[in-house]
Amino acid sequence: MAYGETMRKLSPCPDELVLAALASACPAPRALLDAGCGRGDRLAAVAAALPDARCCGVDCDADNAAAARARCPGAEIVAGDVRALPWPDGCFDAALCECTLSLLDAPERCLAELHRVLRPGGTLLLSDLVGGGSGEARECIAQTGAVRHLATRAWTQRALQAAGFRLRSFRDCREEYLTMAAQMIFDSDSDGCACLGPGVFATLRKRNASYGMWLLERAVAEP
């Protein structure tokens, strides 16, 4: 089973919330990228809401990319690495990056690539798990599965700033996260679901994990 078959459960933000956030910052993007698009569920919703936009997606799992192509027939979907995007500089007005940084050993490379392919002033909507605590910390919590690293909000915001993004808003999606986690436990007969490594749920509880959604702007370089 590809991890993406159950990946949708790990993104508690509903389509309506994501679409509203995008519309507030970039109401009519000409081109949009979903970095780590999984099987295309979110990208399909975005494409339906933005029929005039060029929609693209990338996922590291070839099976996920194939499923996303079937789910989003009008989109350009590639199997590839979010740390080495196959698009030219400044070609996107907006980008999504959801439940992706927590998979990566080198998330800074992904953020650098997103900065590169977004135009100056472009919009990035990033969402992911957030560890409890106020310090700048990121730890590996699993070697396999769809959640491998857990960072605090402070660590993520520092990494985003270092990559050249300016924060527009942050939403604590704890309520949505707890609802999702409860459903995953209810659906499972063990510690989590097929896409999570052993013990991950227990670690997330111990770390008082939540979920955050950042709305960001690619900063314009000073002349």
N, C-alpha and C. Protein backbone atom coordinates (compact mmCIF):
# COMPACT_ATOMS: atom_id res chain seq x y z
N MET A 1 0.84 -1.20 0.00
CA MET A 1 0.00 0.00 0.00
C MET A 1 0.88 1.25 0.00
N ALA A 2 0.68 2.15 -0.94
CA ALA A 2 1.37 3.43 -0.92
C ALA A 2 0.86 4.26 0.24
N TYR A 3 1.77 5.04 0.87
CA TYR A 3 1.33 5.81 2.03
C TYR A 3 0.21 6.77 1.67
N GLY A 4 0.17 7.20 0.41
CA GLY A 4 -0.84 8.16 0.00
C GLY A 4 -2.26 7.64 0.00
N GLU A 5 -2.44 6.32 0.06
CA GLU A 5 -3.79 5.79 0.05
C GLU A 5 -4.56 6.19 1.31
N THR A 6 -3.85 6.46 2.39
CA THR A 6 -4.51 6.92 3.60
C THR A 6 -4.05 8.31 4.00
N MET A 7 -3.31 8.98 3.11
CA MET A 7 -2.71 10.26 3.45
C MET A 7 -3.77 11.32 3.74
N ARG A 8 -4.92 11.24 3.08
CA ARG A 8 -5.93 12.27 3.27
C ARG A 8 -6.32 12.39 4.74
N LYS A 9 -6.27 11.28 5.48
CA LYS A 9 -6.62 11.32 6.90
C LYS A 9 -5.66 12.17 7.71
N LEU A 10 -4.45 12.37 7.19
CA LEU A 10 -3.46 13.13 7.94
C LEU A 10 -3.55 14.62 7.69
N SER A 11 -4.45 15.09 6.87
CA SER A 11 -4.66 16.51 6.63
C SER A 11 -6.03 16.89 7.15
N PRO A 12 -6.11 17.41 8.36
CA PRO A 12 -7.43 17.67 8.95
C PRO A 12 -8.12 18.91 8.40
N CYS A 13 -7.40 19.75 7.67
CA CYS A 13 -8.00 20.98 7.16
C CYS A 13 -8.98 20.65 6.03
N PRO A 14 -10.25 21.01 6.15
CA PRO A 14 -11.20 20.73 5.08
C PRO A 14 -10.93 21.59 3.86
N ASP A 15 -11.43 21.13 2.71
CA ASP A 15 -11.24 21.88 1.46
C ASP A 15 -11.71 23.32 1.60
N GLU A 16 -12.84 23.53 2.27
CA GLU A 16 -13.41 24.86 2.38
C GLU A 16 -12.45 25.82 3.09
N LEU A 17 -11.77 25.33 4.11
CA LEU A 17 -10.83 26.16 4.85
C LEU A 17 -9.63 26.53 4.00
N VAL A 18 -9.08 25.56 3.29
CA VAL A 18 -7.92 25.80 2.44
C VAL A 18 -8.28 26.73 1.28
N LEU A 19 -9.41 26.50 0.65
CA LEU A 19 -9.82 27.34 -0.47
C LEU A 19 -10.07 28.77 -0.03
N ALA A 20 -10.67 28.96 1.14
CA ALA A 20 -10.93 30.31 1.65
C ALA A 20 -9.62 31.03 1.94
N ALA A 21 -8.65 30.30 2.52
CA ALA A 21 -7.36 30.92 2.81
C ALA A 21 -6.65 31.32 1.52
N LEU A 22 -6.67 30.45 0.53
CA LEU A 22 -6.07 30.78 -0.75
C LEU A 22 -6.73 32.00 -1.39
N ALA A 23 -8.06 32.01 -1.37
CA ALA A 23 -8.80 33.11 -1.99
C ALA A 23 -8.50 34.44 -1.32
N SER A 24 -8.24 34.42 -0.02
CA SER A 24 -7.96 35.66 0.69
C SER A 24 -6.61 36.26 0.29
N ALA A 25 -5.68 35.41 -0.11
CA ALA A 25 -4.34 35.88 -0.43
C ALA A 25 -4.06 35.96 -1.93
N CYS A 26 -4.65 35.05 -2.68
CA CYS A 26 -4.39 34.97 -4.13
C CYS A 26 -5.68 34.52 -4.81
N PRO A 27 -6.61 35.44 -5.01
CA PRO A 27 -7.95 35.05 -5.47
C PRO A 27 -8.02 34.48 -6.88
N ALA A 28 -7.08 34.82 -7.75
CA ALA A 28 -7.16 34.35 -9.14
C ALA A 28 -5.78 33.96 -9.65
N PRO A 29 -5.19 32.91 -9.10
CA PRO A 29 -3.86 32.50 -9.57
C PRO A 29 -3.92 31.96 -11.00
N ARG A 30 -2.92 32.32 -11.77
CA ARG A 30 -2.83 31.77 -13.13
C ARG A 30 -2.22 30.38 -13.11
N ALA A 31 -1.36 30.12 -12.12
CA ALA A 31 -0.70 28.82 -12.03
C ALA A 31 -0.50 28.48 -10.56
N LEU A 32 -0.81 27.23 -10.20
CA LEU A 32 -0.74 26.79 -8.81
C LEU A 32 -0.07 25.42 -8.75
N LEU A 33 0.77 25.23 -7.73
CA LEU A 33 1.48 23.96 -7.53
C LEU A 33 1.07 23.34 -6.21
N ASP A 34 0.82 22.03 -6.23
CA ASP A 34 0.62 21.27 -4.99
C ASP A 34 1.86 20.39 -4.82
N ALA A 35 2.71 20.79 -3.88
CA ALA A 35 3.98 20.07 -3.63
C ALA A 35 3.75 19.00 -2.59
N GLY A 36 3.80 17.75 -3.02
CA GLY A 36 3.43 16.63 -2.17
C GLY A 36 1.94 16.38 -2.29
N CYS A 37 1.46 16.21 -3.52
CA CYS A 37 0.02 16.20 -3.80
C CYS A 37 -0.66 14.89 -3.44
N GLY A 38 0.12 13.86 -3.06
CA GLY A 38 -0.52 12.59 -2.74
C GLY A 38 -1.31 12.06 -3.92
N ARG A 39 -2.51 11.62 -3.67
CA ARG A 39 -3.35 11.03 -4.71
C ARG A 39 -4.30 12.03 -5.34
N GLY A 40 -4.06 13.32 -5.07
CA GLY A 40 -4.74 14.37 -5.81
C GLY A 40 -6.05 14.86 -5.24
N ASP A 41 -6.40 14.46 -4.02
CA ASP A 41 -7.69 14.88 -3.48
C ASP A 41 -7.79 16.39 -3.32
N ARG A 42 -6.77 17.01 -2.70
CA ARG A 42 -6.82 18.46 -2.51
C ARG A 42 -6.70 19.18 -3.84
N LEU A 43 -5.81 18.70 -4.69
CA LEU A 43 -5.61 19.36 -5.98
C LEU A 43 -6.88 19.32 -6.81
N ALA A 44 -7.64 18.25 -6.72
CA ALA A 44 -8.91 18.17 -7.46
C ALA A 44 -9.88 19.24 -6.98
N ALA A 45 -9.94 19.46 -5.67
CA ALA A 45 -10.83 20.49 -5.13
C ALA A 45 -10.39 21.88 -5.58
N VAL A 46 -9.08 22.12 -5.57
CA VAL A 46 -8.56 23.41 -6.00
C VAL A 46 -8.82 23.63 -7.48
N ALA A 47 -8.58 22.60 -8.29
CA ALA A 47 -8.80 22.72 -9.73
C ALA A 47 -10.27 23.00 -10.05
N ALA A 48 -11.17 22.40 -9.29
CA ALA A 48 -12.59 22.64 -9.52
C ALA A 48 -12.97 24.07 -9.15
N ALA A 49 -12.34 24.61 -8.11
CA ALA A 49 -12.64 25.97 -7.68
C ALA A 49 -11.96 27.02 -8.55
N LEU A 50 -10.88 26.63 -9.25
CA LEU A 50 -10.11 27.56 -10.07
C LEU A 50 -9.98 27.01 -11.49
N PRO A 51 -11.09 26.95 -12.23
CA PRO A 51 -11.06 26.28 -13.54
C PRO A 51 -10.15 26.95 -14.56
N ASP A 52 -9.80 28.22 -14.36
CA ASP A 52 -8.95 28.91 -15.34
C ASP A 52 -7.47 28.84 -14.99
N ALA A 53 -7.14 28.24 -13.85
CA ALA A 53 -5.75 28.18 -13.43
C ALA A 53 -5.07 26.93 -13.98
N ARG A 54 -3.78 27.07 -14.26
CA ARG A 54 -2.95 25.91 -14.59
C ARG A 54 -2.57 25.26 -13.26
N CYS A 55 -2.99 24.02 -13.05
CA CYS A 55 -2.74 23.32 -11.80
C CYS A 55 -1.71 22.22 -12.02
N CYS A 56 -0.70 22.19 -11.15
CA CYS A 56 0.37 21.21 -11.24
C CYS A 56 0.54 20.52 -9.89
N GLY A 57 1.06 19.31 -9.92
CA GLY A 57 1.31 18.59 -8.69
C GLY A 57 2.54 17.71 -8.82
N VAL A 58 3.17 17.45 -7.67
CA VAL A 58 4.33 16.56 -7.65
C VAL A 58 4.24 15.70 -6.41
N ASP A 59 4.59 14.42 -6.55
CA ASP A 59 4.63 13.51 -5.42
C ASP A 59 5.76 12.52 -5.64
N CYS A 60 6.41 12.12 -4.53
CA CYS A 60 7.56 11.23 -4.65
C CYS A 60 7.17 9.80 -4.98
N ASP A 61 5.91 9.44 -4.75
CA ASP A 61 5.44 8.07 -4.97
C ASP A 61 4.79 7.98 -6.35
N ALA A 62 5.33 7.13 -7.20
CA ALA A 62 4.83 7.02 -8.57
C ALA A 62 3.37 6.57 -8.61
N ASP A 63 2.97 5.67 -7.70
CA ASP A 63 1.58 5.23 -7.66
C ASP A 63 0.65 6.38 -7.27
N ASN A 64 1.09 7.21 -6.33
CA ASN A 64 0.30 8.38 -5.96
C ASN A 64 0.15 9.32 -7.15
N ALA A 65 1.26 9.57 -7.84
CA ALA A 65 1.22 10.48 -8.98
C ALA A 65 0.26 9.97 -10.06
N ALA A 66 0.28 8.66 -10.31
CA ALA A 66 -0.64 8.08 -11.29
C ALA A 66 -2.09 8.24 -10.85
N ALA A 67 -2.35 8.02 -9.55
CA ALA A 67 -3.71 8.20 -9.04
C ALA A 67 -4.14 9.66 -9.13
N ALA A 68 -3.20 10.57 -8.88
CA ALA A 68 -3.52 12.00 -8.97
C ALA A 68 -3.84 12.40 -10.41
N ARG A 69 -3.15 11.83 -11.38
CA ARG A 69 -3.46 12.12 -12.78
C ARG A 69 -4.88 11.68 -13.12
N ALA A 70 -5.27 10.52 -12.62
CA ALA A 70 -6.63 10.04 -12.87
C ALA A 70 -7.66 10.91 -12.14
N ARG A 71 -7.32 11.38 -10.96
CA ARG A 71 -8.22 12.20 -10.16
C ARG A 71 -8.34 13.61 -10.71
N CYS A 72 -7.26 14.12 -11.33
CA CYS A 72 -7.20 15.49 -11.84
C CYS A 72 -6.75 15.46 -13.29
N PRO A 73 -7.61 15.05 -14.21
CA PRO A 73 -7.18 14.85 -15.60
C PRO A 73 -6.68 16.12 -16.29
N GLY A 74 -7.07 17.28 -15.83
CA GLY A 74 -6.62 18.51 -16.47
C GLY A 74 -5.34 19.07 -15.89
N ALA A 75 -4.79 18.43 -14.87
CA ALA A 75 -3.60 18.94 -14.19
C ALA A 75 -2.33 18.28 -14.71
N GLU A 76 -1.23 18.96 -14.50
CA GLU A 76 0.09 18.41 -14.85
C GLU A 76 0.68 17.79 -13.59
N ILE A 77 0.77 16.46 -13.55
CA ILE A 77 1.22 15.75 -12.36
C ILE A 77 2.50 15.00 -12.70
N VAL A 78 3.51 15.14 -11.86
CA VAL A 78 4.76 14.44 -12.09
C VAL A 78 5.16 13.67 -10.83
N ALA A 79 5.86 12.57 -11.03
CA ALA A 79 6.48 11.85 -9.92
C ALA A 79 7.88 12.42 -9.75
N GLY A 80 8.14 12.98 -8.58
CA GLY A 80 9.43 13.62 -8.39
C GLY A 80 9.64 14.06 -6.95
N ASP A 81 10.72 14.77 -6.74
CA ASP A 81 11.18 15.17 -5.42
C ASP A 81 10.82 16.63 -5.18
N VAL A 82 10.14 16.93 -4.08
CA VAL A 82 9.80 18.32 -3.78
C VAL A 82 11.04 19.14 -3.45
N ARG A 83 12.18 18.49 -3.28
CA ARG A 83 13.44 19.20 -3.02
C ARG A 83 14.21 19.48 -4.30
N ALA A 84 13.62 19.10 -5.46
CA ALA A 84 14.24 19.36 -6.76
C ALA A 84 13.11 19.46 -7.79
N LEU A 85 12.37 20.55 -7.74
CA LEU A 85 11.16 20.69 -8.55
C LEU A 85 11.51 20.91 -10.02
N PRO A 86 10.78 20.26 -10.93
CA PRO A 86 11.10 20.34 -12.35
C PRO A 86 10.39 21.49 -13.07
N TRP A 87 10.32 22.65 -12.43
CA TRP A 87 9.70 23.83 -13.05
C TRP A 87 10.65 25.01 -12.95
N PRO A 88 10.53 25.97 -13.87
CA PRO A 88 11.44 27.12 -13.86
C PRO A 88 11.14 28.12 -12.76
N ASP A 89 12.06 29.03 -12.56
CA ASP A 89 11.91 30.04 -11.52
C ASP A 89 10.67 30.90 -11.76
N GLY A 90 9.99 31.22 -10.66
CA GLY A 90 8.92 32.21 -10.69
C GLY A 90 7.73 31.88 -11.56
N CYS A 91 7.43 30.60 -11.76
CA CYS A 91 6.36 30.26 -12.70
C CYS A 91 5.01 30.03 -12.04
N PHE A 92 4.94 30.07 -10.70
CA PHE A 92 3.67 29.84 -10.01
C PHE A 92 3.27 31.07 -9.19
N ASP A 93 1.98 31.32 -9.17
CA ASP A 93 1.42 32.40 -8.35
C ASP A 93 1.13 31.92 -6.93
N ALA A 94 0.87 30.63 -6.78
CA ALA A 94 0.51 30.07 -5.47
C ALA A 94 0.98 28.63 -5.39
N ALA A 95 1.21 28.17 -4.17
CA ALA A 95 1.63 26.79 -3.95
C ALA A 95 1.04 26.27 -2.65
N LEU A 96 0.73 24.99 -2.65
CA LEU A 96 0.32 24.27 -1.44
C LEU A 96 1.44 23.32 -1.05
N CYS A 97 1.64 23.16 0.25
CA CYS A 97 2.58 22.15 0.75
C CYS A 97 2.00 21.64 2.06
N GLU A 98 1.26 20.53 1.97
CA GLU A 98 0.52 20.03 3.13
C GLU A 98 1.03 18.63 3.50
N CYS A 99 1.25 18.43 4.79
CA CYS A 99 1.67 17.12 5.31
C CYS A 99 2.91 16.62 4.59
N THR A 100 3.81 17.52 4.26
CA THR A 100 4.98 17.16 3.46
C THR A 100 6.29 17.37 4.22
N LEU A 101 6.44 18.50 4.90
CA LEU A 101 7.69 18.76 5.61
C LEU A 101 7.98 17.67 6.64
N SER A 102 6.92 17.12 7.26
CA SER A 102 7.12 16.10 8.28
C SER A 102 7.64 14.78 7.71
N LEU A 103 7.68 14.66 6.39
CA LEU A 103 8.24 13.48 5.74
C LEU A 103 9.73 13.62 5.45
N LEU A 104 10.25 14.84 5.46
CA LEU A 104 11.54 15.10 4.85
C LEU A 104 12.68 15.19 5.84
N ASP A 105 13.81 14.62 5.43
CA ASP A 105 15.03 14.77 6.22
C ASP A 105 15.65 16.16 6.02
N ALA A 106 15.39 16.78 4.89
CA ALA A 106 15.96 18.09 4.59
C ALA A 106 14.85 19.04 4.14
N PRO A 107 13.98 19.46 5.07
CA PRO A 107 12.86 20.30 4.67
C PRO A 107 13.28 21.67 4.13
N GLU A 108 14.46 22.14 4.53
CA GLU A 108 14.92 23.44 4.05
C GLU A 108 15.08 23.44 2.52
N ARG A 109 15.46 22.31 1.97
CA ARG A 109 15.61 22.21 0.51
C ARG A 109 14.25 22.33 -0.17
N CYS A 110 13.21 21.76 0.42
CA CYS A 110 11.86 21.90 -0.13
C CYS A 110 11.42 23.35 -0.09
N LEU A 111 11.65 24.02 1.03
CA LEU A 111 11.25 25.43 1.16
C LEU A 111 12.01 26.31 0.17
N ALA A 112 13.29 26.00 -0.03
CA ALA A 112 14.07 26.76 -1.00
C ALA A 112 13.53 26.59 -2.41
N GLU A 113 13.11 25.38 -2.75
CA GLU A 113 12.55 25.13 -4.08
C GLU A 113 11.20 25.82 -4.25
N LEU A 114 10.37 25.79 -3.20
CA LEU A 114 9.09 26.49 -3.28
C LEU A 114 9.32 27.99 -3.47
N HIS A 115 10.29 28.54 -2.77
CA HIS A 115 10.62 29.96 -2.93
C HIS A 115 11.06 30.22 -4.37
N ARG A 116 11.84 29.32 -4.92
CA ARG A 116 12.36 29.51 -6.29
C ARG A 116 11.26 29.53 -7.33
N VAL A 117 10.31 28.59 -7.24
CA VAL A 117 9.31 28.47 -8.31
C VAL A 117 8.14 29.44 -8.13
N LEU A 118 8.01 30.06 -6.97
CA LEU A 118 6.97 31.08 -6.78
C LEU A 118 7.47 32.43 -7.29
N ARG A 119 6.57 33.19 -7.87
CA ARG A 119 6.93 34.54 -8.27
C ARG A 119 7.07 35.42 -7.02
N PRO A 120 7.82 36.52 -7.11
CA PRO A 120 7.88 37.45 -5.98
C PRO A 120 6.47 37.93 -5.61
N GLY A 121 6.15 37.85 -4.33
CA GLY A 121 4.82 38.19 -3.88
C GLY A 121 3.84 37.04 -3.96
N GLY A 122 4.29 35.87 -4.46
CA GLY A 122 3.41 34.71 -4.57
C GLY A 122 3.03 34.15 -3.21
N THR A 123 2.01 33.31 -3.20
CA THR A 123 1.42 32.79 -1.97
C THR A 123 1.80 31.34 -1.73
N LEU A 124 2.19 31.03 -0.50
CA LEU A 124 2.42 29.65 -0.08
C LEU A 124 1.47 29.33 1.07
N LEU A 125 0.69 28.27 0.91
CA LEU A 125 -0.11 27.74 2.01
C LEU A 125 0.54 26.44 2.46
N LEU A 126 1.07 26.46 3.66
CA LEU A 126 1.75 25.31 4.22
C LEU A 126 1.01 24.84 5.46
N SER A 127 0.77 23.53 5.55
CA SER A 127 0.15 22.99 6.75
C SER A 127 0.86 21.69 7.13
N ASP A 128 0.93 21.44 8.44
CA ASP A 128 1.60 20.22 8.90
C ASP A 128 1.38 20.07 10.39
N LEU A 129 1.83 18.93 10.89
CA LEU A 129 1.80 18.68 12.32
C LEU A 129 2.72 19.65 13.05
N VAL A 130 2.33 19.98 14.27
CA VAL A 130 3.09 20.92 15.09
C VAL A 130 3.31 20.30 16.46
N GLY A 131 4.56 20.23 16.89
CA GLY A 131 4.85 19.72 18.22
C GLY A 131 4.58 20.77 19.29
N GLY A 132 4.24 20.32 20.48
CA GLY A 132 4.01 21.23 21.58
C GLY A 132 5.30 21.87 22.05
N GLY A 133 5.19 22.96 22.79
CA GLY A 133 6.37 23.66 23.28
C GLY A 133 6.66 24.88 22.46
N SER A 134 7.41 25.81 23.07
CA SER A 134 7.68 27.09 22.42
C SER A 134 9.07 27.18 21.82
N GLY A 135 9.91 26.18 22.06
CA GLY A 135 11.28 26.24 21.56
C GLY A 135 11.39 25.87 20.09
N GLU A 136 12.58 26.14 19.52
CA GLU A 136 12.85 25.79 18.13
C GLU A 136 13.43 24.38 18.11
N ALA A 137 12.56 23.39 17.92
CA ALA A 137 13.00 21.99 17.95
C ALA A 137 12.33 21.21 16.83
N ARG A 138 13.09 20.25 16.29
CA ARG A 138 12.57 19.30 15.29
C ARG A 138 13.23 17.97 15.57
N GLU A 139 12.42 16.92 15.66
CA GLU A 139 12.96 15.60 16.00
C GLU A 139 12.41 14.54 15.06
N CYS A 140 13.22 13.51 14.86
CA CYS A 140 12.78 12.35 14.09
C CYS A 140 11.99 11.44 15.02
N ILE A 141 10.75 11.10 14.64
CA ILE A 141 9.92 10.25 15.48
C ILE A 141 9.62 8.90 14.84
N ALA A 142 10.02 8.70 13.58
CA ALA A 142 9.82 7.42 12.90
C ALA A 142 10.73 7.35 11.69
N GLN A 143 11.15 6.15 11.34
CA GLN A 143 12.01 5.95 10.17
C GLN A 143 11.21 5.71 8.90
N THR A 144 9.96 5.29 9.06
CA THR A 144 9.10 5.02 7.91
C THR A 144 7.72 5.62 8.16
N GLY A 145 6.88 5.58 7.11
CA GLY A 145 5.52 6.06 7.26
C GLY A 145 5.37 7.50 6.81
N ALA A 146 4.15 8.01 6.94
CA ALA A 146 3.80 9.33 6.43
C ALA A 146 4.11 10.45 7.39
N VAL A 147 4.52 10.14 8.61
CA VAL A 147 4.98 11.14 9.57
C VAL A 147 6.30 10.65 10.13
N ARG A 148 7.37 11.38 9.87
CA ARG A 148 8.69 10.95 10.31
C ARG A 148 9.38 11.98 11.20
N HIS A 149 8.96 13.23 11.08
CA HIS A 149 9.58 14.30 11.85
C HIS A 149 8.49 15.18 12.46
N LEU A 150 8.79 15.74 13.61
CA LEU A 150 7.85 16.63 14.28
C LEU A 150 8.60 17.89 14.70
N ALA A 151 8.12 19.04 14.23
CA ALA A 151 8.74 20.33 14.52
C ALA A 151 7.78 21.20 15.31
N THR A 152 8.33 22.07 16.13
CA THR A 152 7.50 23.05 16.82
C THR A 152 7.12 24.16 15.85
N ARG A 153 6.13 24.93 16.25
CA ARG A 153 5.72 26.08 15.44
C ARG A 153 6.88 27.06 15.28
N ALA A 154 7.63 27.29 16.34
CA ALA A 154 8.74 28.23 16.28
C ALA A 154 9.80 27.77 15.29
N TRP A 155 10.12 26.46 15.29
CA TRP A 155 11.11 25.95 14.34
C TRP A 155 10.63 26.15 12.91
N THR A 156 9.36 25.83 12.65
CA THR A 156 8.82 25.94 11.30
C THR A 156 8.83 27.39 10.83
N GLN A 157 8.44 28.30 11.71
CA GLN A 157 8.38 29.70 11.30
C GLN A 157 9.78 30.27 11.06
N ARG A 158 10.77 29.82 11.83
CA ARG A 158 12.13 30.27 11.58
C ARG A 158 12.62 29.74 10.23
N ALA A 159 12.31 28.47 9.92
CA ALA A 159 12.73 27.89 8.65
C ALA A 159 12.06 28.60 7.47
N LEU A 160 10.80 28.95 7.63
CA LEU A 160 10.10 29.68 6.58
C LEU A 160 10.69 31.06 6.36
N GLN A 161 10.99 31.74 7.44
CA GLN A 161 11.60 33.07 7.32
C GLN A 161 12.98 32.98 6.68
N ALA A 162 13.75 31.98 7.08
CA ALA A 162 15.09 31.81 6.51
C ALA A 162 15.03 31.52 5.01
N ALA A 163 13.94 30.86 4.57
CA ALA A 163 13.78 30.54 3.15
C ALA A 163 13.29 31.72 2.32
N GLY A 164 12.91 32.81 2.98
CA GLY A 164 12.48 34.00 2.26
C GLY A 164 10.98 34.22 2.20
N PHE A 165 10.26 33.63 3.17
CA PHE A 165 8.80 33.81 3.22
C PHE A 165 8.42 34.74 4.37
N ARG A 166 7.40 35.54 4.12
CA ARG A 166 6.86 36.43 5.13
C ARG A 166 5.49 35.92 5.58
N LEU A 167 5.30 35.83 6.88
CA LEU A 167 4.05 35.30 7.43
C LEU A 167 2.91 36.28 7.24
N ARG A 168 1.82 35.78 6.68
CA ARG A 168 0.59 36.57 6.59
C ARG A 168 -0.38 36.21 7.71
N SER A 169 -0.52 34.91 7.97
CA SER A 169 -1.40 34.49 9.06
C SER A 169 -1.06 33.06 9.45
N PHE A 170 -1.45 32.69 10.66
CA PHE A 170 -1.30 31.33 11.14
C PHE A 170 -2.62 30.91 11.78
N ARG A 171 -3.04 29.70 11.49
CA ARG A 171 -4.26 29.15 12.09
C ARG A 171 -3.91 27.88 12.85
N ASP A 172 -4.28 27.84 14.11
CA ASP A 172 -4.13 26.64 14.91
C ASP A 172 -5.33 25.74 14.63
N CYS A 173 -5.08 24.62 13.97
CA CYS A 173 -6.14 23.68 13.58
C CYS A 173 -6.24 22.53 14.57
N ARG A 174 -6.06 22.82 15.84
CA ARG A 174 -6.07 21.78 16.86
C ARG A 174 -7.41 21.06 16.91
N GLU A 175 -8.51 21.79 16.82
CA GLU A 175 -9.82 21.15 16.89
C GLU A 175 -9.99 20.15 15.75
N GLU A 176 -9.61 20.57 14.54
CA GLU A 176 -9.71 19.67 13.40
C GLU A 176 -8.77 18.47 13.55
N TYR A 177 -7.59 18.72 14.09
CA TYR A 177 -6.61 17.65 14.30
C TYR A 177 -7.12 16.61 15.30
N LEU A 178 -7.68 17.07 16.41
CA LEU A 178 -8.17 16.13 17.42
C LEU A 178 -9.33 15.29 16.88
N THR A 179 -10.18 15.92 16.07
CA THR A 179 -11.28 15.16 15.44
C THR A 179 -10.72 14.09 14.51
N MET A 180 -9.71 14.47 13.73
CA MET A 180 -9.08 13.51 12.81
C MET A 180 -8.41 12.37 13.58
N ALA A 181 -7.66 12.72 14.63
CA ALA A 181 -6.95 11.70 15.40
C ALA A 181 -7.92 10.72 16.05
N ALA A 182 -9.01 11.24 16.58
CA ALA A 182 -10.00 10.37 17.20
C ALA A 182 -10.59 9.40 16.18
N GLN A 183 -10.85 9.89 14.97
CA GLN A 183 -11.41 9.03 13.93
C GLN A 183 -10.42 7.97 13.51
N MET A 184 -9.14 8.35 13.41
CA MET A 184 -8.12 7.38 13.03
C MET A 184 -7.98 6.27 14.07
N ILE A 185 -8.03 6.63 15.35
CA ILE A 185 -7.95 5.63 16.41
C ILE A 185 -9.18 4.73 16.39
N PHE A 186 -10.34 5.34 16.15
CA PHE A 186 -11.59 4.56 16.08
C PHE A 186 -11.55 3.57 14.93
N ASP A 187 -10.98 4.01 13.79
CA ASP A 187 -10.92 3.15 12.61
C ASP A 187 -9.87 2.06 12.70
N SER A 188 -8.94 2.19 13.62
CA SER A 188 -7.80 1.29 13.67
C SER A 188 -7.94 0.29 14.81
N ASP A 189 -7.33 -0.88 14.63
CA ASP A 189 -7.31 -1.87 15.70
C ASP A 189 -5.94 -1.92 16.38
N SER A 190 -5.08 -0.92 16.06
CA SER A 190 -3.75 -0.87 16.66
C SER A 190 -3.39 0.58 16.90
N ASP A 191 -2.10 0.87 16.85
CA ASP A 191 -1.61 2.21 17.13
C ASP A 191 -1.60 3.04 15.86
N GLY A 192 -2.75 3.51 15.42
CA GLY A 192 -2.80 4.39 14.28
C GLY A 192 -3.37 3.73 13.05
N CYS A 193 -2.73 3.97 11.90
CA CYS A 193 -3.23 3.41 10.65
C CYS A 193 -2.05 2.95 9.81
N ALA A 194 -2.35 2.39 8.65
CA ALA A 194 -1.32 1.75 7.85
C ALA A 194 -0.22 2.70 7.39
N CYS A 195 -0.51 4.00 7.30
CA CYS A 195 0.50 4.92 6.78
C CYS A 195 1.40 5.47 7.87
N LEU A 196 1.17 5.12 9.14
CA LEU A 196 1.99 5.62 10.24
C LEU A 196 2.94 4.53 10.73
N GLY A 197 4.15 4.94 11.09
CA GLY A 197 5.09 4.00 11.66
C GLY A 197 4.67 3.58 13.06
N PRO A 198 5.23 2.48 13.57
CA PRO A 198 4.88 1.99 14.91
C PRO A 198 5.17 3.05 15.99
N GLY A 199 4.21 3.21 16.89
CA GLY A 199 4.40 4.11 18.02
C GLY A 199 4.23 5.58 17.74
N VAL A 200 3.90 5.95 16.50
CA VAL A 200 3.82 7.37 16.16
C VAL A 200 2.69 8.06 16.91
N PHE A 201 1.53 7.42 16.98
CA PHE A 201 0.41 8.04 17.70
C PHE A 201 0.80 8.32 19.15
N ALA A 202 1.45 7.35 19.79
CA ALA A 202 1.85 7.54 21.18
C ALA A 202 2.82 8.71 21.32
N THR A 203 3.75 8.83 20.37
CA THR A 203 4.70 9.95 20.40
C THR A 203 4.00 11.28 20.20
N LEU A 204 3.06 11.32 19.27
CA LEU A 204 2.33 12.57 19.03
C LEU A 204 1.56 13.00 20.28
N ARG A 205 0.95 12.04 20.96
CA ARG A 205 0.24 12.37 22.20
C ARG A 205 1.21 12.88 23.26
N LYS A 206 2.34 12.20 23.38
CA LYS A 206 3.34 12.59 24.38
C LYS A 206 3.89 13.98 24.10
N ARG A 207 4.03 14.33 22.83
CA ARG A 207 4.56 15.65 22.46
C ARG A 207 3.48 16.72 22.37
N ASN A 208 2.26 16.38 22.76
CA ASN A 208 1.14 17.33 22.72
C ASN A 208 1.01 17.96 21.33
N ALA A 209 1.04 17.10 20.31
CA ALA A 209 1.03 17.58 18.93
C ALA A 209 -0.31 18.20 18.55
N SER A 210 -0.23 19.10 17.61
CA SER A 210 -1.41 19.73 17.03
C SER A 210 -1.17 19.84 15.53
N TYR A 211 -1.90 20.72 14.89
CA TYR A 211 -1.76 20.91 13.45
C TYR A 211 -1.86 22.40 13.16
N GLY A 212 -1.01 22.88 12.28
CA GLY A 212 -1.02 24.31 11.96
C GLY A 212 -1.13 24.56 10.48
N MET A 213 -1.67 25.73 10.13
CA MET A 213 -1.76 26.15 8.74
C MET A 213 -1.20 27.56 8.62
N TRP A 214 -0.11 27.67 7.86
CA TRP A 214 0.55 28.96 7.64
C TRP A 214 0.17 29.50 6.27
N LEU A 215 -0.16 30.77 6.20
CA LEU A 215 -0.37 31.46 4.94
C LEU A 215 0.77 32.46 4.81
N LEU A 216 1.53 32.33 3.71
CA LEU A 216 2.79 33.06 3.58
C LEU A 216 2.89 33.76 2.24
N GLU A 217 3.78 34.73 2.20
CA GLU A 217 4.07 35.45 0.96
C GLU A 217 5.54 35.32 0.65
N ARG A 218 5.87 35.04 -0.60
CA ARG A 218 7.27 35.04 -1.01
C ARG A 218 7.75 36.46 -1.01
N ALA A 219 8.66 36.76 -0.12
CA ALA A 219 9.12 38.13 0.05
C ALA A 219 9.77 38.63 -1.23
N VAL A 220 9.57 39.90 -1.52
CA VAL A 220 10.18 40.54 -2.67
C VAL A 220 11.55 41.05 -2.24
N ALA A 221 12.57 40.70 -3.00
CA ALA A 221 13.93 41.10 -2.66
C ALA A 221 14.07 42.62 -2.71
N GLU A 222 14.85 43.14 -1.78
CA GLU A 222 15.11 44.57 -1.76
C GLU A 222 15.98 44.95 -2.97
N PRO A 223 15.71 46.09 -3.58
CA PRO A 223 16.54 46.51 -4.74
C PRO A 223 17.97 46.83 -4.32
